Every structure is written in structure tokens, then in C-alpha cells.
Amino acid sequence: MRVLVVEDERLLADAIAAGLRRQAIAADVVYDGEAAMERLAVNDYDVVVLDRDLPIVPGDEVCTSLVDAGLDTRILMLTAATAVTQRVAGLGLGADDYLTKPFAFAELTARVQALGRRARPAAPPVLDRAGIRLDPYRQTVTRDGRPLGLSRKEFAVLAELLRADGGVVSAEQLLERAWDEHADPFTGVVRFTMMMVRRKLGDPPVIETIHGSGYRIP
């Protein structure tokens, strides 16, 4: 899952992004509505965590622009306003969910994950293929019953391969889904992470490299 956090309170925005990354969610951060519009024009996001009160371009305008574009991106709107009328107005703009400040981070994470499931084709709660069982929400993975100690990026890469249900996933798709905007596509980070995933999965090898196309678990 890839998330854009749009929040002008920088400490809060950075804390939200850091917490999402701890859940193996790729998170980009911007601090005003204009920067949000620029990112949304060039990147595909599953969820936007959008503060309603933003400088330069208001959050309401970002929301309506995103809805008018007809994208599958889901919107979780944040606001300090607690009045029911304010929440209703936000949902009326096309936001998918609404969360008032202050909030518990666990609740925000749960809402982001729920919206992320709605932004993509439904996947089973536990991904199970070739003896590998991966639970995205408990953050656990086993092979033939053996627990695997994967890093967050390794976990995210393996989850994308399992979600493909035997299909090929390119390195570019893995970069887009499992890393944030700071990932350098020329560093070989995908190849290195794939090597580590294969090593931890053990024998017999289960991840195939399709030269010129990507990777798959058949």
C-alpha cells in the first residue's frame, strides 16, 4: 500500500508517516495543498490522509479535485473540528472517511488499512501460496509452518508477490508499491531485497525471476 500524508503540522505529519512505515506501508509526506496536487498528478496512491485546513490550496479543494479525477484513491480527511455538521460536510465533498484530532494512531492505521483494501481488488485476509502464509494485519509470515523474520521492506515485497496470485510483478511495480518516493530506482534495492527474501524463505526456491519482466511465485 502507498499513502500520501498531507498535513501542515510538520511534527504530526512526520509522526503519521513514520508510524505507517512501521506497518510496512510506503508513505510520502507533503505539508500544503499545492504540493499534494503535484504529487497526486505524478504518483498513484491507495490512500490520501488529508488535513482539511491546509495552506495555499485548502484540503477541501484537494479532495474535490481528486474525486473529480475519478481515481481509485481513497481519502481519509483529518480535522480539528468536532461538530457533526463539519464531518458531514467533509464526507459530502467525497471523502471516504473522517477522523477528528486528536486521534489514537492505532485507529488511524486501522482506517488507512481498511481504505487501502477498498482501493484495490479484494484480497484474502491471509495470503497463502506455495507453503507461504502471510497475514498482512498481524504482520506475520511462515513457510511450511516455520516463522520467518522479515524486515518491513521484505515483508512488503513478499506480500506484493503473493497478491499477484501467480502473476509477474515488475521491479518498477515493487518500487511503487513497497517503497516511498525517496527510493532510488538505480541502486538495485529491489534486487538486494529479493535476494534477502529468497534467503530467508530457504529451499526449495519458490520465487522465479522472469528475465526482462520481473518476479513471480508460481
Protein backbone atom coordinates (compact mmCIF):
# COMPACT_ATOMS: atom_id res chain seq x y z
CA MET A 1 0.00 0.00 0.00
CA ARG A 2 1.20 3.53 -0.78
CA VAL A 3 -0.12 6.51 1.19
CA LEU A 4 0.24 10.27 0.82
CA VAL A 5 0.11 12.20 4.10
CA VAL A 6 -0.97 15.84 3.64
CA GLU A 7 -0.72 17.76 6.90
CA ASP A 8 0.69 21.24 7.61
CA GLU A 9 1.65 20.39 11.20
CA ARG A 10 5.04 19.00 10.31
CA LEU A 11 5.68 17.06 13.51
CA LEU A 12 2.29 15.39 13.23
CA ALA A 13 2.72 14.66 9.51
CA ASP A 14 6.16 13.11 10.03
CA ALA A 15 4.91 11.08 13.00
CA ILE A 16 2.00 9.70 10.98
CA ALA A 17 4.30 8.74 8.11
CA ALA A 18 6.82 7.10 10.44
CA GLY A 19 4.08 5.08 12.11
CA LEU A 20 2.69 3.92 8.77
CA ARG A 21 6.15 2.85 7.63
CA ARG A 22 6.46 0.71 10.76
CA GLN A 23 3.41 -1.15 9.42
CA ALA A 24 5.20 -1.81 6.08
CA ILE A 25 3.17 0.93 4.35
CA ALA A 26 5.04 3.22 1.96
CA ALA A 27 4.27 6.81 2.99
CA ASP A 28 5.10 10.12 1.31
CA VAL A 29 4.61 13.44 3.10
CA VAL A 30 3.75 16.97 1.96
CA TYR A 31 2.81 19.98 4.06
CA ASP A 32 0.43 22.01 1.87
CA GLY A 33 -2.33 21.51 -0.65
CA GLU A 34 -0.36 22.69 -3.66
CA ALA A 35 2.37 20.12 -3.07
CA ALA A 36 -0.33 17.47 -2.62
CA MET A 37 -1.81 18.30 -6.03
CA GLU A 38 1.64 17.98 -7.61
CA ARG A 39 2.28 14.56 -6.05
CA LEU A 40 -1.16 13.26 -6.97
CA ALA A 41 -0.55 14.27 -10.58
CA VAL A 42 2.52 12.04 -10.90
CA ASN A 43 2.10 9.20 -8.36
CA ASP A 44 -0.58 6.60 -7.75
CA TYR A 45 -1.68 6.37 -4.11
CA ASP A 46 -4.05 3.91 -2.47
CA VAL A 47 -4.96 6.34 0.32
CA VAL A 48 -4.52 10.06 0.99
CA VAL A 49 -4.54 11.16 4.63
CA LEU A 50 -5.72 14.72 4.07
CA ASP A 51 -5.89 17.55 6.59
CA ARG A 52 -8.84 19.80 5.81
CA ASP A 53 -7.18 23.04 6.93
CA LEU A 54 -4.17 23.42 4.60
CA PRO A 55 -2.17 26.41 3.37
CA ILE A 56 -2.01 27.53 -0.29
CA VAL A 57 -4.65 25.08 -1.56
CA PRO A 58 -7.33 24.09 1.01
CA GLY A 59 -7.89 20.43 1.79
CA ASP A 60 -11.48 20.70 0.53
CA GLU A 61 -10.19 21.69 -2.91
CA VAL A 62 -7.65 18.86 -2.97
CA CYS A 63 -10.45 16.45 -2.06
CA THR A 64 -12.85 17.60 -4.76
CA SER A 65 -10.10 17.61 -7.40
CA LEU A 66 -9.18 14.05 -6.53
CA VAL A 67 -12.81 12.92 -6.64
CA ASP A 68 -13.44 14.72 -9.94
CA ALA A 69 -10.42 12.95 -11.48
CA GLY A 70 -12.22 9.63 -10.95
CA LEU A 71 -9.23 7.88 -9.37
CA ASP A 72 -9.47 4.84 -7.10
CA THR A 73 -7.52 6.66 -4.39
CA ARG A 74 -9.37 6.71 -1.06
CA ILE A 75 -9.44 9.81 1.13
CA LEU A 76 -9.20 9.91 4.92
CA MET A 77 -9.89 13.50 5.95
CA LEU A 78 -8.46 14.92 9.18
CA THR A 79 -9.79 17.94 11.02
CA ALA A 80 -9.76 19.59 14.43
CA ALA A 81 -13.47 20.38 14.05
CA THR A 82 -15.64 18.06 16.13
CA ALA A 83 -19.10 19.25 15.06
CA VAL A 84 -21.22 16.68 13.25
CA THR A 85 -22.06 19.24 10.57
CA GLN A 86 -18.36 19.64 9.79
CA ARG A 87 -17.87 15.90 9.42
CA VAL A 88 -20.96 15.61 7.23
CA ALA A 89 -19.69 18.45 5.04
CA GLY A 90 -16.34 16.71 4.61
CA LEU A 91 -17.95 13.44 3.60
CA GLY A 92 -20.19 15.39 1.23
CA LEU A 93 -17.09 16.55 -0.64
CA GLY A 94 -16.31 12.94 -1.49
CA ALA A 95 -14.03 11.89 1.36
CA ASP A 96 -14.30 8.19 2.20
CA ASP A 97 -13.71 8.55 5.92
CA TYR A 98 -13.27 11.24 8.53
CA LEU A 99 -11.12 11.42 11.67
CA THR A 100 -11.06 14.24 14.20
CA LYS A 101 -7.95 15.44 16.04
CA PRO A 102 -6.64 14.38 18.45
CA PHE A 103 -6.85 10.72 17.47
CA ALA A 104 -5.31 7.43 18.50
CA PHE A 105 -2.68 6.34 15.99
CA ALA A 106 -3.96 2.76 16.11
CA GLU A 107 -7.34 3.98 14.89
CA LEU A 108 -5.79 5.99 12.06
CA THR A 109 -3.77 2.96 10.96
CA ALA A 110 -6.84 0.72 11.02
CA ARG A 111 -8.81 3.22 8.94
CA VAL A 112 -5.96 3.59 6.41
CA GLN A 113 -5.68 -0.18 6.06
CA ALA A 114 -9.45 -0.53 5.61
CA LEU A 115 -9.48 2.16 2.93
CA GLY A 116 -6.48 0.56 1.24
CA ARG A 117 -8.39 -2.69 0.90
CA ARG A 118 -11.18 -0.78 -0.83
CA ALA A 119 -8.74 0.93 -3.22
CA ARG A 120 -7.56 -2.35 -4.76
CA PRO A 121 -9.19 -5.64 -5.71
CA ALA A 122 -10.17 -7.65 -2.66
CA ALA A 123 -7.51 -9.98 -1.31
CA PRO A 124 -7.98 -12.76 1.22
CA PRO A 125 -7.22 -11.75 4.82
CA VAL A 126 -4.32 -14.23 4.85
CA LEU A 127 -2.25 -14.71 1.69
CA ASP A 128 -1.43 -18.38 1.18
CA ARG A 129 0.63 -19.78 -1.69
CA ALA A 130 3.41 -22.34 -2.21
CA GLY A 131 3.51 -23.14 1.50
CA ILE A 132 3.84 -19.46 2.43
CA ARG A 133 1.21 -17.93 4.75
CA LEU A 134 1.36 -14.16 5.16
CA ASP A 135 -1.01 -12.21 7.40
CA PRO A 136 -0.82 -8.52 6.41
CA TYR A 137 -2.63 -7.30 9.51
CA ARG A 138 -0.84 -9.33 12.16
CA GLN A 139 2.44 -8.81 10.27
CA THR A 140 3.35 -12.50 10.42
CA VAL A 141 4.66 -14.85 7.75
CA THR A 142 5.55 -18.55 7.77
CA ARG A 143 6.76 -21.10 5.25
CA ASP A 144 5.62 -24.65 5.88
CA GLY A 145 4.83 -23.59 9.42
CA ARG A 146 8.27 -22.07 10.05
CA PRO A 147 8.16 -18.41 11.17
CA LEU A 148 10.21 -16.05 9.02
CA GLY A 149 11.87 -12.95 10.42
CA LEU A 150 11.44 -10.47 7.57
CA SER A 151 12.22 -6.77 7.60
CA ARG A 152 9.38 -4.37 6.77
CA LYS A 153 10.51 -3.99 3.16
CA GLU A 154 11.00 -7.75 2.74
CA PHE A 155 7.52 -8.32 4.14
CA ALA A 156 6.01 -5.74 1.77
CA VAL A 157 7.77 -7.23 -1.28
CA LEU A 158 6.66 -10.76 -0.44
CA ALA A 159 3.10 -9.55 0.12
CA GLU A 160 3.02 -7.97 -3.37
CA LEU A 161 4.26 -11.20 -4.95
CA LEU A 162 1.61 -13.22 -3.14
CA ARG A 163 -1.15 -10.75 -4.04
CA ALA A 164 -0.26 -11.19 -7.73
CA ASP A 165 -1.62 -14.76 -7.44
CA GLY A 166 0.99 -16.29 -9.73
CA GLY A 167 1.33 -13.25 -11.98
CA VAL A 168 4.56 -11.44 -12.74
CA VAL A 169 5.38 -8.32 -10.70
CA SER A 170 7.96 -5.97 -12.22
CA ALA A 171 10.72 -4.26 -10.27
CA GLU A 172 9.07 -0.93 -11.10
CA GLN A 173 5.78 -2.11 -9.58
CA LEU A 174 7.58 -3.27 -6.44
CA LEU A 175 9.31 0.10 -6.12
CA GLU A 176 5.99 1.87 -6.48
CA ARG A 177 4.11 -0.32 -4.01
CA ALA A 178 6.69 -1.11 -1.33
CA TRP A 179 8.94 1.95 -1.21
CA ASP A 180 8.28 5.66 -0.82
CA GLU A 181 9.41 8.49 -3.08
CA HIS A 182 12.92 8.57 -1.61
CA ALA A 183 13.83 5.18 -3.10
CA ASP A 184 16.50 5.44 -5.81
CA PRO A 185 15.49 3.18 -8.73
CA PHE A 186 19.14 2.83 -9.77
CA THR A 187 20.52 1.43 -6.51
CA GLY A 188 19.49 -2.20 -7.05
CA VAL A 189 17.43 -2.05 -3.87
CA VAL A 190 14.74 -4.34 -5.30
CA ARG A 191 17.30 -6.93 -6.38
CA PHE A 192 19.00 -6.85 -2.98
CA THR A 193 15.70 -7.12 -1.09
CA MET A 194 14.61 -10.00 -3.31
CA MET A 195 17.89 -11.79 -2.57
CA MET A 196 17.25 -11.44 1.16
CA VAL A 197 13.65 -12.67 0.84
CA ARG A 198 14.82 -15.73 -1.08
CA ARG A 199 17.50 -16.45 1.51
CA LYS A 200 15.01 -16.28 4.37
CA LEU A 201 12.42 -18.40 2.55
CA GLY A 202 15.05 -21.13 2.16
CA ASP A 203 14.96 -24.19 -0.08
CA PRO A 204 13.47 -25.22 -2.37
CA PRO A 205 13.48 -21.86 -4.19
CA VAL A 206 9.98 -20.53 -4.76
CA ILE A 207 10.44 -17.06 -6.32
CA GLU A 208 11.10 -17.13 -10.06
CA THR A 209 12.91 -14.39 -11.96
CA ILE A 210 11.30 -13.73 -15.34
CA HIS A 211 14.11 -12.00 -17.24
CA GLY A 212 13.08 -8.67 -18.65
CA SER A 213 9.72 -8.78 -16.83
CA GLY A 214 10.04 -9.23 -13.08
CA TYR A 215 9.35 -11.84 -10.40
CA ARG A 216 6.62 -14.31 -9.53
CA ILE A 217 5.64 -17.09 -7.17
CA PRO A 218 4.04 -19.71 -9.47
